[in-house]
Structure formats: C-alpha cells, structure tokens
Amino acid sequence: MPTYLARVTVHAELDPEQVDGLADALGAARTEPADDRVVLWVPGEAPDAGTAEVAARRHVAEVLQGWTVDVDVDEALGS
C-alpha cells in the first residue's frame, strides 16, 4: 500500500515535553518546534491521495482534540 507523510502544524506555544507527548501520540517521524507552533511529520498508509487526506485528518482530530491544527498530506513516500 502506498505511504504518505502528513504535515501537522499545532498552533500553540509548547514546551519540549508537550512536543514529545504529541509526537508520541501521533506517531510522528520528526518534529520542528517554533515559538508559536510545532510541525509534526506523521507517516501513514492509504491506497490513494484522497484517502490519505481523510485518514490523516481523522487521526489528528481523534488524537489532538481541542488543539488548533492544520493538516496537509505533503508527499508520497512510495509504495
């Protein structure tokens, strides 16, 4: 099944422990903290781009309830 990489931007000032907790909860491959947000790169699998977008948004919504986030499926990693 093809894989994807979702870019999840959390709009909040977070300390390193919070970033680590969010990364663990989402299964993020890497993080990019900034002053007023953090970007988490979350891998996943889906049969096509549309399904990947829906799956990524659903996963983030379930895990990060109450946080202000943006989700973009950024790149296909191959099959």
N, C-alpha and C. Protein backbone atom coordinates (compact mmCIF):
# COMPACT_ATOMS: atom_id res chain seq x y z
N MET A 1 0.85 -1.18 0.00
CA MET A 1 0.00 0.00 0.00
C MET A 1 0.90 1.24 0.00
N PRO A 2 0.54 2.25 -0.77
CA PRO A 2 1.34 3.48 -0.80
C PRO A 2 1.36 4.18 0.57
N THR A 3 2.44 4.86 0.82
CA THR A 3 2.58 5.58 2.08
C THR A 3 2.54 7.08 1.83
N TYR A 4 2.24 7.84 2.87
CA TYR A 4 2.21 9.29 2.77
C TYR A 4 2.86 9.89 4.01
N LEU A 5 3.13 11.16 3.93
CA LEU A 5 3.67 11.91 5.06
C LEU A 5 2.81 13.13 5.25
N ALA A 6 2.14 13.20 6.40
CA ALA A 6 1.27 14.34 6.70
C ALA A 6 2.05 15.36 7.53
N ARG A 7 1.88 16.63 7.17
CA ARG A 7 2.47 17.72 7.95
C ARG A 7 1.37 18.27 8.84
N VAL A 8 1.56 18.12 10.15
CA VAL A 8 0.57 18.56 11.14
C VAL A 8 1.17 19.75 11.88
N THR A 9 0.54 20.91 11.73
CA THR A 9 1.01 22.11 12.42
C THR A 9 0.08 22.38 13.59
N VAL A 10 0.65 22.38 14.79
CA VAL A 10 -0.11 22.67 16.01
C VAL A 10 0.21 24.11 16.38
N HIS A 11 -0.83 24.94 16.44
CA HIS A 11 -0.65 26.36 16.73
C HIS A 11 -0.77 26.59 18.23
N ALA A 12 0.36 26.51 18.90
CA ALA A 12 0.42 26.72 20.35
C ALA A 12 1.88 26.82 20.76
N GLU A 13 2.12 27.51 21.86
CA GLU A 13 3.45 27.54 22.44
C GLU A 13 3.57 26.32 23.33
N LEU A 14 4.48 25.41 22.98
CA LEU A 14 4.61 24.15 23.69
C LEU A 14 6.02 23.99 24.24
N ASP A 15 6.11 23.37 25.41
CA ASP A 15 7.43 23.06 25.94
C ASP A 15 7.89 21.73 25.34
N PRO A 16 9.17 21.40 25.46
CA PRO A 16 9.69 20.18 24.84
C PRO A 16 8.96 18.89 25.27
N GLU A 17 8.52 18.82 26.51
CA GLU A 17 7.80 17.64 26.96
C GLU A 17 6.45 17.51 26.25
N GLN A 18 5.77 18.63 26.05
CA GLN A 18 4.50 18.60 25.32
C GLN A 18 4.72 18.18 23.87
N VAL A 19 5.76 18.71 23.24
CA VAL A 19 6.08 18.34 21.86
C VAL A 19 6.33 16.83 21.79
N ASP A 20 7.12 16.31 22.71
CA ASP A 20 7.40 14.87 22.73
C ASP A 20 6.13 14.06 22.92
N GLY A 21 5.24 14.53 23.79
CA GLY A 21 3.98 13.83 24.04
C GLY A 21 3.09 13.80 22.80
N LEU A 22 2.98 14.95 22.12
CA LEU A 22 2.19 15.00 20.90
C LEU A 22 2.80 14.12 19.81
N ALA A 23 4.12 14.17 19.70
CA ALA A 23 4.80 13.34 18.70
C ALA A 23 4.55 11.86 18.96
N ASP A 24 4.66 11.45 20.21
CA ASP A 24 4.40 10.05 20.56
C ASP A 24 2.95 9.67 20.26
N ALA A 25 2.02 10.54 20.63
CA ALA A 25 0.60 10.24 20.44
C ALA A 25 0.24 10.11 18.96
N LEU A 26 0.87 10.91 18.11
CA LEU A 26 0.57 10.86 16.68
C LEU A 26 1.42 9.86 15.91
N GLY A 27 2.52 9.42 16.52
CA GLY A 27 3.45 8.55 15.80
C GLY A 27 4.30 9.34 14.82
N ALA A 28 4.66 10.57 15.20
CA ALA A 28 5.41 11.45 14.31
C ALA A 28 6.82 10.93 14.08
N ALA A 29 7.27 11.06 12.84
CA ALA A 29 8.62 10.66 12.47
C ALA A 29 9.64 11.72 12.87
N ARG A 30 9.21 12.99 12.85
CA ARG A 30 10.09 14.09 13.29
C ARG A 30 9.24 15.29 13.67
N THR A 31 9.87 16.24 14.37
CA THR A 31 9.18 17.46 14.79
C THR A 31 10.05 18.66 14.45
N GLU A 32 9.38 19.81 14.29
CA GLU A 32 10.07 21.07 14.06
C GLU A 32 9.42 22.13 14.96
N PRO A 33 9.88 22.24 16.20
CA PRO A 33 9.30 23.24 17.11
C PRO A 33 9.68 24.67 16.71
N ALA A 34 8.77 25.59 16.95
CA ALA A 34 9.00 27.02 16.77
C ALA A 34 8.37 27.73 17.98
N ASP A 35 8.47 29.05 18.04
CA ASP A 35 7.97 29.78 19.20
C ASP A 35 6.46 29.64 19.39
N ASP A 36 5.71 29.75 18.33
CA ASP A 36 4.24 29.77 18.47
C ASP A 36 3.55 28.60 17.80
N ARG A 37 4.32 27.59 17.40
CA ARG A 37 3.73 26.41 16.77
C ARG A 37 4.77 25.29 16.76
N VAL A 38 4.30 24.10 16.41
CA VAL A 38 5.20 22.98 16.17
C VAL A 38 4.67 22.21 14.97
N VAL A 39 5.58 21.79 14.11
CA VAL A 39 5.21 20.97 12.96
C VAL A 39 5.64 19.55 13.26
N LEU A 40 4.69 18.63 13.10
CA LEU A 40 4.96 17.21 13.30
C LEU A 40 4.77 16.50 11.96
N TRP A 41 5.70 15.67 11.59
CA TRP A 41 5.64 14.93 10.33
C TRP A 41 5.20 13.51 10.67
N VAL A 42 4.00 13.14 10.20
CA VAL A 42 3.36 11.89 10.59
C VAL A 42 3.19 10.99 9.36
N PRO A 43 3.86 9.83 9.35
CA PRO A 43 3.70 8.90 8.23
C PRO A 43 2.42 8.08 8.35
N GLY A 44 1.94 7.61 7.23
CA GLY A 44 0.77 6.75 7.22
C GLY A 44 0.67 6.00 5.91
N GLU A 45 -0.34 5.15 5.79
CA GLU A 45 -0.57 4.39 4.57
C GLU A 45 -2.00 4.59 4.10
N ALA A 46 -2.17 4.66 2.81
CA ALA A 46 -3.50 4.79 2.21
C ALA A 46 -3.40 4.40 0.74
N PRO A 47 -4.50 3.92 0.16
CA PRO A 47 -4.45 3.48 -1.24
C PRO A 47 -4.36 4.61 -2.25
N ASP A 48 -4.76 5.84 -1.85
CA ASP A 48 -4.70 6.97 -2.78
C ASP A 48 -4.64 8.27 -1.99
N ALA A 49 -4.40 9.38 -2.69
CA ALA A 49 -4.21 10.68 -2.04
C ALA A 49 -5.46 11.13 -1.28
N GLY A 50 -6.63 10.93 -1.86
CA GLY A 50 -7.87 11.35 -1.19
C GLY A 50 -8.08 10.63 0.12
N THR A 51 -7.84 9.33 0.10
CA THR A 51 -7.99 8.53 1.32
C THR A 51 -6.92 8.92 2.34
N ALA A 52 -5.72 9.23 1.88
CA ALA A 52 -4.64 9.65 2.77
C ALA A 52 -5.03 10.94 3.49
N GLU A 53 -5.59 11.88 2.74
CA GLU A 53 -6.00 13.16 3.34
C GLU A 53 -7.05 12.94 4.42
N VAL A 54 -8.06 12.14 4.12
CA VAL A 54 -9.13 11.86 5.09
C VAL A 54 -8.57 11.12 6.30
N ALA A 55 -7.73 10.12 6.07
CA ALA A 55 -7.17 9.34 7.17
C ALA A 55 -6.30 10.20 8.08
N ALA A 56 -5.48 11.05 7.50
CA ALA A 56 -4.61 11.91 8.29
C ALA A 56 -5.43 12.89 9.13
N ARG A 57 -6.42 13.51 8.54
CA ARG A 57 -7.26 14.46 9.27
C ARG A 57 -8.03 13.76 10.40
N ARG A 58 -8.55 12.58 10.14
CA ARG A 58 -9.29 11.84 11.15
C ARG A 58 -8.37 11.46 12.32
N HIS A 59 -7.18 10.97 12.00
CA HIS A 59 -6.22 10.57 13.04
C HIS A 59 -5.87 11.76 13.93
N VAL A 60 -5.57 12.89 13.31
CA VAL A 60 -5.22 14.09 14.08
C VAL A 60 -6.40 14.56 14.92
N ALA A 61 -7.59 14.56 14.35
CA ALA A 61 -8.78 15.01 15.09
C ALA A 61 -9.04 14.14 16.31
N GLU A 62 -8.82 12.84 16.18
CA GLU A 62 -9.04 11.93 17.30
C GLU A 62 -8.00 12.12 18.40
N VAL A 63 -6.76 12.35 18.00
CA VAL A 63 -5.66 12.43 18.98
C VAL A 63 -5.52 13.83 19.58
N LEU A 64 -5.73 14.86 18.78
CA LEU A 64 -5.47 16.23 19.23
C LEU A 64 -6.75 17.04 19.40
N GLN A 65 -7.74 16.45 20.02
CA GLN A 65 -8.99 17.16 20.28
C GLN A 65 -8.71 18.42 21.10
N GLY A 66 -9.28 19.54 20.66
CA GLY A 66 -9.13 20.78 21.39
C GLY A 66 -7.94 21.63 20.98
N TRP A 67 -7.02 21.11 20.18
CA TRP A 67 -5.87 21.87 19.71
C TRP A 67 -6.23 22.52 18.38
N THR A 68 -5.65 23.69 18.10
CA THR A 68 -5.79 24.32 16.79
C THR A 68 -4.70 23.77 15.90
N VAL A 69 -5.09 23.10 14.81
CA VAL A 69 -4.13 22.43 13.95
C VAL A 69 -4.45 22.65 12.48
N ASP A 70 -3.43 22.50 11.65
CA ASP A 70 -3.56 22.42 10.20
C ASP A 70 -2.97 21.06 9.81
N VAL A 71 -3.61 20.40 8.86
CA VAL A 71 -3.12 19.10 8.38
C VAL A 71 -3.01 19.14 6.87
N ASP A 72 -1.84 18.80 6.36
CA ASP A 72 -1.61 18.72 4.92
C ASP A 72 -0.88 17.42 4.63
N VAL A 73 -1.40 16.65 3.70
CA VAL A 73 -0.67 15.47 3.26
C VAL A 73 0.33 15.99 2.24
N ASP A 74 1.59 15.90 2.64
CA ASP A 74 2.66 16.61 1.94
C ASP A 74 3.29 15.86 0.79
N GLU A 75 3.60 14.58 0.98
CA GLU A 75 4.32 13.91 -0.07
C GLU A 75 4.10 12.42 0.00
N ALA A 76 4.07 11.78 -1.16
CA ALA A 76 4.01 10.33 -1.21
C ALA A 76 5.45 9.82 -1.01
N LEU A 77 5.56 8.78 -0.23
CA LEU A 77 6.89 8.21 0.04
C LEU A 77 7.16 7.00 -0.84
N GLY A 78 6.23 6.62 -1.64
CA GLY A 78 6.39 5.44 -2.48
C GLY A 78 5.45 4.34 -2.03
N SER A 79 5.50 3.20 -2.69
CA SER A 79 4.60 2.10 -2.33
C SER A 79 5.34 0.95 -1.72
